[in-house]
C-alpha atoms as a PDB file:
ATOM      1  CA  MET A   1      58.098  27.979  58.956  1.00  0.00           C
ATOM      2  CA  ALA A   2      58.631  30.583  56.264  1.00  0.00           C
ATOM      3  CA  MET A   3      61.949  32.369  56.456  1.00  0.00           C
ATOM      4  CA  ILE A   4      62.208  35.999  55.371  1.00  0.00           C
ATOM      5  CA  ALA A   5      65.648  36.924  54.156  1.00  0.00           C
ATOM      6  CA  ALA A   6      67.004  40.261  55.382  1.00  0.00           C
ATOM      7  CA  GLN A   7      67.257  42.710  52.539  1.00  0.00           C
ATOM      8  CA  THR A   8      69.743  45.550  52.394  1.00  0.00           C
ATOM      9  CA  PRO A   9      67.992  48.807  51.449  1.00  0.00           C
ATOM     10  CA  ASP A  10      69.189  50.416  48.245  1.00  0.00           C
ATOM     11  CA  ILE A  11      70.797  53.837  48.679  1.00  0.00           C
ATOM     12  CA  LEU A  12      70.392  56.060  45.669  1.00  0.00           C
ATOM     13  CA  GLY A  13      73.153  58.513  44.832  1.00  0.00           C
ATOM     14  CA  ASP A  14      76.709  58.732  46.108  1.00  0.00           C
ATOM     15  CA  ARG A  15      77.658  58.084  49.693  1.00  0.00           C
ATOM     16  CA  GLN A  16      80.813  59.415  51.292  1.00  0.00           C
ATOM     17  CA  SER A  17      82.205  59.059  54.772  1.00  0.00           C
ATOM     18  CA  GLY A  18      85.362  59.353  56.785  1.00  0.00           C
ATOM     19  CA  GLN A  19      88.276  61.510  55.721  1.00  0.00           C
ATOM     20  CA  ASP A  20      86.713  62.602  52.420  1.00  0.00           C
ATOM     21  CA  VAL A  21      83.745  64.195  54.178  1.00  0.00           C
ATOM     22  CA  ARG A  22      85.953  65.931  56.732  1.00  0.00           C
ATOM     23  CA  THR A  23      88.132  67.349  53.998  1.00  0.00           C
ATOM     24  CA  GLN A  24      85.109  68.648  52.085  1.00  0.00           C
ATOM     25  CA  ASN A  25      83.737  70.310  55.206  1.00  0.00           C
ATOM     26  CA  VAL A  26      87.059  71.997  55.940  1.00  0.00           C
ATOM     27  CA  VAL A  27      87.386  73.161  52.326  1.00  0.00           C
ATOM     28  CA  ALA A  28      83.872  74.660  52.477  1.00  0.00           C
ATOM     29  CA  CYS A  29      84.747  76.536  55.683  1.00  0.00           C
ATOM     30  CA  GLN A  30      88.019  77.722  54.160  1.00  0.00           C
ATOM     31  CA  SER A  31      86.100  79.063  51.165  1.00  0.00           C
ATOM     32  CA  VAL A  32      83.852  81.114  53.447  1.00  0.00           C
ATOM     33  CA  SER A  33      86.896  82.369  55.343  1.00  0.00           C
ATOM     34  CA  ASN A  34      88.655  83.419  52.134  1.00  0.00           C
ATOM     35  CA  ILE A  35      85.640  85.493  51.112  1.00  0.00           C
ATOM     36  CA  VAL A  36      85.735  87.691  54.224  1.00  0.00           C
ATOM     37  CA  LYS A  37      89.494  87.560  54.835  1.00  0.00           C
ATOM     38  CA  SER A  38      90.228  90.595  52.656  1.00  0.00           C
ATOM     39  CA  SER A  39      87.734  92.672  54.695  1.00  0.00           C
ATOM     40  CA  LEU A  40      89.623  92.230  57.982  1.00  0.00           C
ATOM     41  CA  GLY A  41      91.190  95.184  59.739  1.00  0.00           C
ATOM     42  CA  PRO A  42      90.968  98.975  59.520  1.00  0.00           C
ATOM     43  CA  VAL A  43      92.257  98.922  55.933  1.00  0.00           C
ATOM     44  CA  GLY A  44      90.070  96.001  54.857  1.00  0.00           C
ATOM     45  CA  LEU A  45      88.346  96.116  51.498  1.00  0.00           C
ATOM     46  CA  ASP A  46      84.616  96.668  51.072  1.00  0.00           C
ATOM     47  CA  LYS A  47      82.490  94.116  49.234  1.00  0.00           C
ATOM     48  CA  MET A  48      79.810  94.991  46.702  1.00  0.00           C
ATOM     49  CA  LEU A  49      76.945  92.502  46.960  1.00  0.00           C
ATOM     50  CA  VAL A  50      74.049  92.340  44.497  1.00  0.00           C
ATOM     51  CA  ASP A  51      70.954  90.315  45.426  1.00  0.00           C
ATOM     52  CA  ASP A  52      68.388  88.624  43.182  1.00  0.00           C
ATOM     53  CA  ILE A  53      66.344  91.770  42.581  1.00  0.00           C
ATOM     54  CA  GLY A  54      69.357  93.936  41.828  1.00  0.00           C
ATOM     55  CA  ASP A  55      69.741  95.770  45.155  1.00  0.00           C
ATOM     56  CA  VAL A  56      73.369  96.675  45.831  1.00  0.00           C
ATOM     57  CA  THR A  57      74.942  96.518  49.298  1.00  0.00           C
ATOM     58  CA  ILE A  58      78.459  97.817  49.971  1.00  0.00           C
ATOM     59  CA  THR A  59      79.918  96.666  53.294  1.00  0.00           C
ATOM     60  CA  ASN A  60      82.940  95.118  54.983  1.00  0.00           C
ATOM     61  CA  ASP A  61      81.002  93.693  57.917  1.00  0.00           C
ATOM     62  CA  GLY A  62      81.537  89.944  58.057  1.00  0.00           C
ATOM     63  CA  ALA A  63      78.063  89.107  59.356  1.00  0.00           C
ATOM     64  CA  THR A  64      76.373  91.160  56.626  1.00  0.00           C
ATOM     65  CA  ILE A  65      78.513  89.609  53.878  1.00  0.00           C
ATOM     66  CA  LEU A  66      77.848  86.040  55.010  1.00  0.00           C
ATOM     67  CA  ARG A  67      74.135  86.725  55.552  1.00  0.00           C
ATOM     68  CA  MET A  68      73.743  87.819  51.937  1.00  0.00           C
ATOM     69  CA  LEU A  69      75.797  84.976  50.427  1.00  0.00           C
ATOM     70  CA  GLU A  70      72.989  82.391  50.790  1.00  0.00           C
ATOM     71  CA  VAL A  71      75.399  79.631  51.798  1.00  0.00           C
ATOM     72  CA  GLU A  72      74.011  76.117  51.256  1.00  0.00           C
ATOM     73  CA  HIS A  73      76.799  73.815  52.468  1.00  0.00           C
ATOM     74  CA  PRO A  74      75.941  72.490  55.977  1.00  0.00           C
ATOM     75  CA  ALA A  75      79.419  73.004  57.416  1.00  0.00           C
ATOM     76  CA  ALA A  76      79.736  76.490  55.938  1.00  0.00           C
ATOM     77  CA  LYS A  77      76.338  77.389  57.405  1.00  0.00           C
ATOM     78  CA  VAL A  78      77.793  76.759  60.858  1.00  0.00           C
ATOM     79  CA  LEU A  79      80.322  79.548  60.269  1.00  0.00           C
ATOM     80  CA  VAL A  80      77.561  81.862  59.065  1.00  0.00           C
ATOM     81  CA  GLU A  81      75.567  81.184  62.244  1.00  0.00           C
ATOM     82  CA  LEU A  82      78.748  81.733  64.284  1.00  0.00           C
ATOM     83  CA  ALA A  83      79.213  85.175  62.704  1.00  0.00           C
ATOM     84  CA  GLU A  84      75.566  86.099  63.376  1.00  0.00           C
ATOM     85  CA  LEU A  85      75.877  84.999  67.024  1.00  0.00           C
ATOM     86  CA  GLN A  86      79.053  87.050  67.410  1.00  0.00           C
ATOM     87  CA  ASP A  87      77.257  90.057  65.933  1.00  0.00           C
ATOM     88  CA  ARG A  88      74.317  89.710  68.347  1.00  0.00           C
ATOM     89  CA  GLU A  89      76.354  89.096  71.487  1.00  0.00           C
ATOM     90  CA  VAL A  90      79.372  91.351  70.939  1.00  0.00           C
ATOM     91  CA  GLY A  91      78.584  93.551  67.943  1.00  0.00           C
ATOM     92  CA  ASP A  92      82.097  93.312  66.481  1.00  0.00           C
ATOM     93  CA  GLY A  93      84.702  90.744  65.479  1.00  0.00           C
ATOM     94  CA  THR A  94      82.450  88.855  63.061  1.00  0.00           C
ATOM     95  CA  THR A  95      85.171  88.550  60.430  1.00  0.00           C
ATOM     96  CA  SER A  96      87.854  87.564  62.935  1.00  0.00           C
ATOM     97  CA  VAL A  97      85.793  84.791  64.506  1.00  0.00           C
ATOM     98  CA  VAL A  98      85.141  83.210  61.090  1.00  0.00           C
ATOM     99  CA  ILE A  99      88.823  83.319  60.104  1.00  0.00           C
ATOM    100  CA  VAL A 100      89.972  81.854  63.436  1.00  0.00           C
ATOM    101  CA  ALA A 101      87.342  79.085  63.343  1.00  0.00           C
ATOM    102  CA  ALA A 102      88.267  78.108  59.779  1.00  0.00           C
ATOM    103  CA  GLU A 103      91.955  77.971  60.657  1.00  0.00           C
ATOM    104  CA  LEU A 104      91.272  75.801  63.722  1.00  0.00           C
ATOM    105  CA  LEU A 105      89.305  73.397  61.547  1.00  0.00           C
ATOM    106  CA  LYS A 106      92.165  73.258  59.035  1.00  0.00           C
ATOM    107  CA  ARG A 107      94.722  72.455  61.745  1.00  0.00           C
ATOM    108  CA  ALA A 108      92.393  69.869  63.277  1.00  0.00           C
ATOM    109  CA  ASN A 109      91.987  68.147  59.912  1.00  0.00           C
ATOM    110  CA  ASP A 110      95.772  67.863  59.603  1.00  0.00           C
ATOM    111  CA  LEU A 111      95.934  66.264  63.056  1.00  0.00           C
ATOM    112  CA  VAL A 112      93.218  63.738  62.145  1.00  0.00           C
ATOM    113  CA  ARG A 113      95.220  62.749  59.068  1.00  0.00           C
ATOM    114  CA  ASN A 114      98.127  62.028  61.430  1.00  0.00           C
ATOM    115  CA  LYS A 115      95.967  59.433  63.232  1.00  0.00           C
ATOM    116  CA  ILE A 116      95.083  61.603  66.223  1.00  0.00           C
ATOM    117  CA  HIS A 117      91.556  60.930  67.475  1.00  0.00           C
ATOM    118  CA  PRO A 118      89.066  63.831  67.133  1.00  0.00           C
ATOM    119  CA  THR A 119      88.153  63.565  70.823  1.00  0.00           C
ATOM    120  CA  LEU A 120      91.751  64.316  71.822  1.00  0.00           C
ATOM    121  CA  ILE A 121      91.830  67.274  69.442  1.00  0.00           C
ATOM    122  CA  ILE A 122      88.623  68.696  70.938  1.00  0.00           C
ATOM    123  CA  SER A 123      89.983  68.255  74.461  1.00  0.00           C
ATOM    124  CA  GLY A 124      93.204  69.994  73.446  1.00  0.00           C
ATOM    125  CA  TYR A 125      91.317  72.924  71.921  1.00  0.00           C
ATOM    126  CA  ARG A 126      89.209  73.328  75.056  1.00  0.00           C
ATOM    127  CA  LEU A 127      92.310  73.258  77.262  1.00  0.00           C
ATOM    128  CA  ALA A 128      93.995  75.842  75.036  1.00  0.00           C
ATOM    129  CA  MET A 129      90.871  78.026  75.220  1.00  0.00           C
ATOM    130  CA  ARG A 130      90.880  77.957  79.028  1.00  0.00           C
ATOM    131  CA  GLN A 131      94.582  78.757  79.184  1.00  0.00           C
ATOM    132  CA  ALA A 132      94.199  81.593  76.664  1.00  0.00           C
ATOM    133  CA  CYS A 133      91.302  83.123  78.589  1.00  0.00           C
ATOM    134  CA  LYS A 134      93.250  82.805  81.833  1.00  0.00           C
ATOM    135  CA  TYR A 135      96.289  84.497  80.307  1.00  0.00           C
ATOM    136  CA  VAL A 136      94.174  87.349  78.936  1.00  0.00           C
ATOM    137  CA  ASP A 137      92.478  87.906  82.292  1.00  0.00           C
ATOM    138  CA  GLU A 138      95.738  87.857  84.249  1.00  0.00           C
ATOM    139  CA  LYS A 139      98.181  89.560  81.874  1.00  0.00           C
ATOM    140  CA  LEU A 140      96.326  91.566  79.245  1.00  0.00           C
ATOM    141  CA  ALA A 141      92.932  92.597  80.590  1.00  0.00           C
ATOM    142  CA  VAL A 142      92.566  96.096  82.031  1.00  0.00           C
ATOM    143  CA  LYS A 143      89.460  97.127  83.940  1.00  0.00           C
ATOM    144  CA  VAL A 144      87.443  99.868  82.332  1.00  0.00           C
ATOM    145  CA  GLU A 145      87.465 101.876  85.574  1.00  0.00           C
ATOM    146  CA  LYS A 146      91.247 102.237  85.271  1.00  0.00           C
ATOM    147  CA  LEU A 147      91.054 103.598  81.734  1.00  0.00           C
ATOM    148  CA  GLY A 148      90.469 107.262  81.136  1.00  0.00           C
ATOM    149  CA  LYS A 149      87.846 108.600  78.789  1.00  0.00           C
ATOM    150  CA  ASP A 150      90.478 109.254  76.120  1.00  0.00           C
ATOM    151  CA  SER A 151      91.422 105.559  76.007  1.00  0.00           C
ATOM    152  CA  LEU A 152      87.773 104.541  75.659  1.00  0.00           C
ATOM    153  CA  ILE A 153      87.283 107.023  72.844  1.00  0.00           C
ATOM    154  CA  ASN A 154      90.326 105.637  71.031  1.00  0.00           C
ATOM    155  CA  CYS A 155      88.916 102.113  71.363  1.00  0.00           C
ATOM    156  CA  SER A 156      85.641 103.318  69.863  1.00  0.00           C
ATOM    157  CA  LYS A 157      87.479 104.978  66.973  1.00  0.00           C
ATOM    158  CA  THR A 158      89.289 101.737  66.212  1.00  0.00           C
ATOM    159  CA  SER A 159      85.999  99.868  65.961  1.00  0.00           C
ATOM    160  CA  MET A 160      84.424 102.575  63.784  1.00  0.00           C
ATOM    161  CA  SER A 161      87.407 102.981  61.467  1.00  0.00           C
ATOM    162  CA  SER A 162      86.189 100.180  59.203  1.00  0.00           C
ATOM    163  CA  LYS A 163      82.552 101.326  59.121  1.00  0.00           C
ATOM    164  CA  LEU A 164      80.741 103.818  56.920  1.00  0.00           C
ATOM    165  CA  ILE A 165      80.796 106.401  59.725  1.00  0.00           C
ATOM    166  CA  ALA A 166      84.593 106.423  59.828  1.00  0.00           C
ATOM    167  CA  GLY A 167      84.617 110.035  58.652  1.00  0.00           C
ATOM    168  CA  ASP A 168      82.645 111.109  61.733  1.00  0.00           C
ATOM    169  CA  CYS A 169      84.327 108.731  64.183  1.00  0.00           C
ATOM    170  CA  ASP A 170      85.599 111.615  66.361  1.00  0.00           C
ATOM    171  CA  PHE A 171      82.028 112.786  66.962  1.00  0.00           C
ATOM    172  CA  PHE A 172      80.397 109.383  67.408  1.00  0.00           C
ATOM    173  CA  ALA A 173      83.186 107.894  69.532  1.00  0.00           C
ATOM    174  CA  SER A 174      82.639 110.513  72.229  1.00  0.00           C
ATOM    175  CA  LEU A 175      78.865 110.046  71.950  1.00  0.00           C
ATOM    176  CA  VAL A 176      79.134 106.275  72.371  1.00  0.00           C
ATOM    177  CA  VAL A 177      81.440 106.506  75.394  1.00  0.00           C
ATOM    178  CA  ASP A 178      79.073 108.950  77.120  1.00  0.00           C
ATOM    179  CA  ALA A 179      76.111 106.642  76.412  1.00  0.00           C
ATOM    180  CA  VAL A 180      77.855 103.559  77.821  1.00  0.00           C
ATOM    181  CA  GLN A 181      78.989 105.370  80.945  1.00  0.00           C
ATOM    182  CA  ALA A 182      75.441 106.651  81.458  1.00  0.00           C
ATOM    183  CA  VAL A 183      74.120 103.092  81.948  1.00  0.00           C
ATOM    184  CA  LYS A 184      76.883 102.027  84.348  1.00  0.00           C
ATOM    185  CA  THR A 185      75.531 100.022  87.275  1.00  0.00           C
ATOM    186  CA  THR A 186      76.961  98.189  90.277  1.00  0.00           C
ATOM    187  CA  ASN A 187      75.291  94.986  91.463  1.00  0.00           C
ATOM    188  CA  ALA A 188      74.985  93.625  95.002  1.00  0.00           C
ATOM    189  CA  ARG A 189      78.366  91.883  94.727  1.00  0.00           C
ATOM    190  CA  GLY A 190      80.131  95.115  93.849  1.00  0.00           C
ATOM    191  CA  GLU A 191      80.604  94.152  90.208  1.00  0.00           C
ATOM    192  CA  VAL A 192      80.415  96.988  87.702  1.00  0.00           C
ATOM    193  CA  LYS A 193      78.220  96.245  84.708  1.00  0.00           C
ATOM    194  CA  TYR A 194      77.416  98.138  81.536  1.00  0.00           C
ATOM    195  CA  PRO A 195      74.038  96.874  80.261  1.00  0.00           C
ATOM    196  CA  ILE A 196      74.286  97.830  76.598  1.00  0.00           C
ATOM    197  CA  LYS A 197      70.655  96.823  76.057  1.00  0.00           C
ATOM    198  CA  GLY A 198      69.739  99.804  78.214  1.00  0.00           C
ATOM    199  CA  ILE A 199      70.822 102.066  75.334  1.00  0.00           C
ATOM    200  CA  ASN A 200      68.170 102.597  72.667  1.00  0.00           C
ATOM    201  CA  ILE A 201      68.708 104.271  69.305  1.00  0.00           C
ATOM    202  CA  LEU A 202      65.913 106.382  67.834  1.00  0.00           C
ATOM    203  CA  LYS A 203      66.296 107.055  64.110  1.00  0.00           C
ATOM    204  CA  ALA A 204      64.834 110.187  62.533  1.00  0.00           C
ATOM    205  CA  HIS A 205      65.053 111.385  58.939  1.00  0.00           C
ATOM    206  CA  GLY A 206      65.824 114.864  57.708  1.00  0.00           C
ATOM    207  CA  LYS A 207      69.090 116.010  59.281  1.00  0.00           C
ATOM    208  CA  SER A 208      72.802 115.272  59.266  1.00  0.00           C
ATOM    209  CA  ALA A 209      74.324 112.404  61.226  1.00  0.00           C
ATOM    210  CA  ARG A 210      76.242 114.991  63.254  1.00  0.00           C
ATOM    211  CA  ASP A 211      72.932 116.294  64.594  1.00  0.00           C
ATOM    212  CA  SER A 212      72.678 113.132  66.706  1.00  0.00           C
ATOM    213  CA  TYR A 213      72.726 113.678  70.452  1.00  0.00           C
ATOM    214  CA  LEU A 214      72.509 111.735  73.708  1.00  0.00           C
ATOM    215  CA  LEU A 215      69.338 112.078  75.757  1.00  0.00           C
ATOM    216  CA  ASN A 216      69.379 110.964  79.385  1.00  0.00           C
ATOM    217  CA  GLY A 217      65.799 109.744  79.323  1.00  0.00           C
ATOM    218  CA  TYR A 218      63.401 108.162  76.838  1.00  0.00           C
ATOM    219  CA  ALA A 219      62.542 109.550  73.407  1.00  0.00           C
ATOM    220  CA  LEU A 220      59.467 108.912  71.267  1.00  0.00           C
ATOM    221  CA  ASN A 221      59.375 109.776  67.586  1.00  0.00           C
ATOM    222  CA  THR A 222      55.909 111.259  67.733  1.00  0.00           C
ATOM    223  CA  GLY A 223      54.153 114.587  68.212  1.00  0.00           C
ATOM    224  CA  ARG A 224      51.476 116.285  70.247  1.00  0.00           C
ATOM    225  CA  ALA A 225      47.891 115.298  69.651  1.00  0.00           C
ATOM    226  CA  ALA A 226      46.945 118.985  69.281  1.00  0.00           C
ATOM    227  CA  GLN A 227      48.859 122.158  68.447  1.00  0.00           C
ATOM    228  CA  GLY A 228      47.675 124.024  71.525  1.00  0.00           C
ATOM    229  CA  MET A 229      49.345 121.619  73.930  1.00  0.00           C
ATOM    230  CA  PRO A 230      52.675 122.630  75.506  1.00  0.00           C
ATOM    231  CA  MET A 231      56.070 121.417  74.316  1.00  0.00           C
ATOM    232  CA  ARG A 232      57.317 120.810  77.865  1.00  0.00           C
ATOM    233  CA  VAL A 233      55.653 119.519  81.037  1.00  0.00           C
ATOM    234  CA  ALA A 234      57.386 119.560  84.435  1.00  0.00           C
ATOM    235  CA  PRO A 235      56.889 117.790  86.707  1.00  0.00           C
ATOM    236  CA  ALA A 236      55.301 115.128  84.522  1.00  0.00           C
ATOM    237  CA  ARG A 237      52.960 112.401  85.741  1.00  0.00           C
ATOM    238  CA  ILE A 238      52.710 110.058  82.767  1.00  0.00           C
ATOM    239  CA  ALA A 239      49.850 107.646  82.107  1.00  0.00           C
ATOM    240  CA  CYS A 240      50.869 104.822  79.729  1.00  0.00           C
ATOM    241  CA  LEU A 241      47.760 103.348  78.102  1.00  0.00           C
ATOM    242  CA  ASP A 242      47.192 100.359  75.870  1.00  0.00           C
ATOM    243  CA  PHE A 243      43.607 101.191  74.917  1.00  0.00           C
ATOM    244  CA  ASN A 244      41.739 103.780  72.869  1.00  0.00           C
ATOM    245  CA  LEU A 245      40.647 107.186  74.055  1.00  0.00           C
ATOM    246  CA  GLN A 246      38.106 107.249  71.274  1.00  0.00           C
ATOM    247  CA  LYS A 247      34.375 106.919  71.152  1.00  0.00           C
ATOM    248  CA  THR A 248      33.539 103.325  72.031  1.00  0.00           C
ATOM    249  CA  LYS A 249      31.793 101.369  69.325  1.00  0.00           C
ATOM    250  CA  MET A 250      30.145  97.996  69.632  1.00  0.00           C
ATOM    251  CA  GLN A 251      31.944  95.123  67.990  1.00  0.00           C
ATOM    252  CA  MET A 252      30.887  93.659  64.681  1.00  0.00           C
ATOM    253  CA  GLY A 253      28.115  91.123  65.039  1.00  0.00           C
ATOM    254  CA  VAL A 254      26.533  92.712  68.126  1.00  0.00           C
ATOM    255  CA  GLN A 255      22.808  93.319  67.666  1.00  0.00           C
ATOM    256  CA  VAL A 256      20.648  95.645  69.749  1.00  0.00           C
ATOM    257  CA  LEU A 257      16.852  95.489  69.439  1.00  0.00           C
ATOM    258  CA  VAL A 258      14.971  98.688  70.286  1.00  0.00           C
ATOM    259  CA  SER A 259      11.285  99.454  70.142  1.00  0.00           C
ATOM    260  CA  ASP A 260      11.638 103.228  70.269  1.00  0.00           C
ATOM    261  CA  PRO A 261      13.920 105.190  67.886  1.00  0.00           C
ATOM    262  CA  ARG A 262      14.778 107.534  70.741  1.00  0.00           C
ATOM    263  CA  GLU A 263      16.620 104.678  72.423  1.00  0.00           C
ATOM    264  CA  LEU A 264      19.283 104.882  69.706  1.00  0.00           C
ATOM    265  CA  GLU A 265      20.371 108.280  70.949  1.00  0.00           C
ATOM    266  CA  LYS A 266      20.809 106.856  74.451  1.00  0.00           C
ATOM    267  CA  ILE A 267      23.049 104.119  73.032  1.00  0.00           C
ATOM    268  CA  ARG A 268      25.232 106.665  71.198  1.00  0.00           C
ATOM    269  CA  GLN A 269      25.414 108.816  74.316  1.00  0.00           C
ATOM    270  CA  ARG A 270      26.501 105.842  76.414  1.00  0.00           C
ATOM    271  CA  GLU A 271      29.258 105.040  73.906  1.00  0.00           C
ATOM    272  CA  ALA A 272      30.596 108.578  74.357  1.00  0.00           C
ATOM    273  CA  ASP A 273      30.231 108.476  78.146  1.00  0.00           C
ATOM    274  CA  ILE A 274      32.479 105.415  78.429  1.00  0.00           C
ATOM    275  CA  THR A 275      35.429 107.380  77.006  1.00  0.00           C
ATOM    276  CA  LYS A 276      34.621 110.391  79.173  1.00  0.00           C
ATOM    277  CA  GLU A 277      34.619 108.192  82.273  1.00  0.00           C
ATOM    278  CA  ARG A 278      38.063 106.906  81.365  1.00  0.00           C
ATOM    279  CA  ILE A 279      39.322 110.472  81.018  1.00  0.00           C
ATOM    280  CA  GLU A 280      37.853 111.412  84.391  1.00  0.00           C
ATOM    281  CA  LYS A 281      39.672 108.502  86.040  1.00  0.00           C
ATOM    282  CA  LEU A 282      42.960 109.608  84.463  1.00  0.00           C
ATOM    283  CA  LEU A 283      42.476 113.147  85.708  1.00  0.00           C
ATOM    284  CA  LYS A 284      41.590 112.003  89.216  1.00  0.00           C
ATOM    285  CA  ALA A 285      44.786 109.916  89.264  1.00  0.00           C
ATOM    286  CA  GLY A 286      46.771 113.114  88.699  1.00  0.00           C
ATOM    287  CA  ALA A 287      48.135 112.335  85.226  1.00  0.00           C
ATOM    288  CA  ASN A 288      49.185 115.326  83.144  1.00  0.00           C
ATOM    289  CA  VAL A 289      50.747 113.430  80.200  1.00  0.00           C
ATOM    290  CA  ILE A 290      49.053 110.632  78.271  1.00  0.00           C
ATOM    291  CA  LEU A 291      50.922 108.124  76.105  1.00  0.00           C
ATOM    292  CA  THR A 292      48.716 105.623  74.301  1.00  0.00           C
ATOM    293  CA  THR A 293      49.440 102.825  71.854  1.00  0.00           C
ATOM    294  CA  LYS A 294      46.038 103.336  70.210  1.00  0.00           C
ATOM    295  CA  GLY A 295      44.403 106.669  69.418  1.00  0.00           C
ATOM    296  CA  ILE A 296      42.889 109.882  70.813  1.00  0.00           C
ATOM    297  CA  ASP A 297      39.936 111.385  68.955  1.00  0.00           C
ATOM    298  CA  ASP A 298      38.640 114.961  68.899  1.00  0.00           C
ATOM    299  CA  MET A 299      35.984 114.275  71.507  1.00  0.00           C
ATOM    300  CA  ALA A 300      38.609 113.177  74.049  1.00  0.00           C
ATOM    301  CA  LEU A 301      40.833 116.150  73.219  1.00  0.00           C
ATOM    302  CA  LYS A 302      37.898 118.503  73.715  1.00  0.00           C
ATOM    303  CA  ALA A 303      37.222 116.977  77.130  1.00  0.00           C
ATOM    304  CA  LEU A 304      40.888 117.433  78.084  1.00  0.00           C
ATOM    305  CA  PHE A 305      40.912 121.074  76.974  1.00  0.00           C
ATOM    306  CA  ARG A 306      37.855 121.769  79.085  1.00  0.00           C
ATOM    307  CA  ARG A 307      39.779 120.603  82.148  1.00  0.00           C
ATOM    308  CA  GLY A 308      42.597 123.053  81.478  1.00  0.00           C
ATOM    309  CA  TRP A 309      45.076 120.616  79.963  1.00  0.00           C
ATOM    310  CA  SER A 310      45.997 123.136  77.266  1.00  0.00           C
ATOM    311  CA  ASN A 311      48.117 124.965  79.845  1.00  0.00           C
ATOM    312  CA  CYS A 312      49.673 122.139  81.831  1.00  0.00           C
ATOM    313  CA  CYS A 313      49.778 118.875  79.909  1.00  0.00           C
ATOM    314  CA  GLU A 314      50.709 117.064  76.780  1.00  0.00           C
ATOM    315  CA  ALA A 315      48.748 114.285  75.128  1.00  0.00           C
ATOM    316  CA  CYS A 316      50.744 112.108  72.772  1.00  0.00           C
ATOM    317  CA  GLN A 317      49.591 109.548  70.266  1.00  0.00           C
ATOM    318  CA  GLU A 318      51.976 106.663  69.670  1.00  0.00           C
ATOM    319  CA  ARG A 319      51.500 103.615  67.450  1.00  0.00           C
ATOM    320  CA  GLY A 320      53.995 101.147  68.941  1.00  0.00           C
ATOM    321  CA  PRO A 321      53.435  99.557  72.355  1.00  0.00           C
ATOM    322  CA  ALA A 322      57.150  99.001  72.861  1.00  0.00           C
ATOM    323  CA  SER A 323      57.742 102.757  72.780  1.00  0.00           C
ATOM    324  CA  CYS A 324      55.529 103.365  75.790  1.00  0.00           C
ATOM    325  CA  CYS A 325      57.179 100.957  78.206  1.00  0.00           C
END
């Protein structure tokens, strides 16, 4: 019987394990922490970042700085992802979370060197986290309902003091507090919630930042489909459409065989009648405002004017489906 000797595969390059790898990972995380450390706090320094094509970005936001660094080290990438997650979930504290995480890793590495097993260190960190959260909830946390509007405005100013809008923080702090209080809800269990995702920001060019205002409703950055239509409709019955109000055309590749040239006019007339039938259905439903993600052509506008819409309705043309929901 032929015997095949087991062969050990050759590993090209250097191979490291154990304490050396841990130390390198901690050093990489410390390097990332040192980059953003000087940007922490209301008097933190701004960073000037230049990308490959020469675009300059000036910021002291930790998530923005780390996103533009193009970090390659695997352990350091974890901190970058941590900062991005903090930015998505909370919107602030991106620099602080990186500094705290790097310091915890440094202390954990010292404990491992003292022959303490990593599992015990992880268990200790989790226990400390639970105790810290419990202490904050019992001793430090104050419910928003017990705070006055002035306290909330001061909290907003603190968060804005390190941003580019710090010069207008008095104006925007009050605006933000009013917006958050406008979406206040109470669930079935009596818990008060502030769904921040219920606040949408619509950006428009041409005016000062101080011209911003809070609208208790929904805004679309669009205009009327025709000048003769009114600027205001009340009460409004809005039809949200995801199809064209334009003359229907057959799709590419469709062939129609006719024996009489006069049949072509019937086909064109039918294409126009399909749009007119849609308009009639909208009018019968009682709609006096139309929002569509597609388009409205002159033929449809003419049909609307004939029904008196120039005095009681507004037809809008919008290009983004998300804006009509």
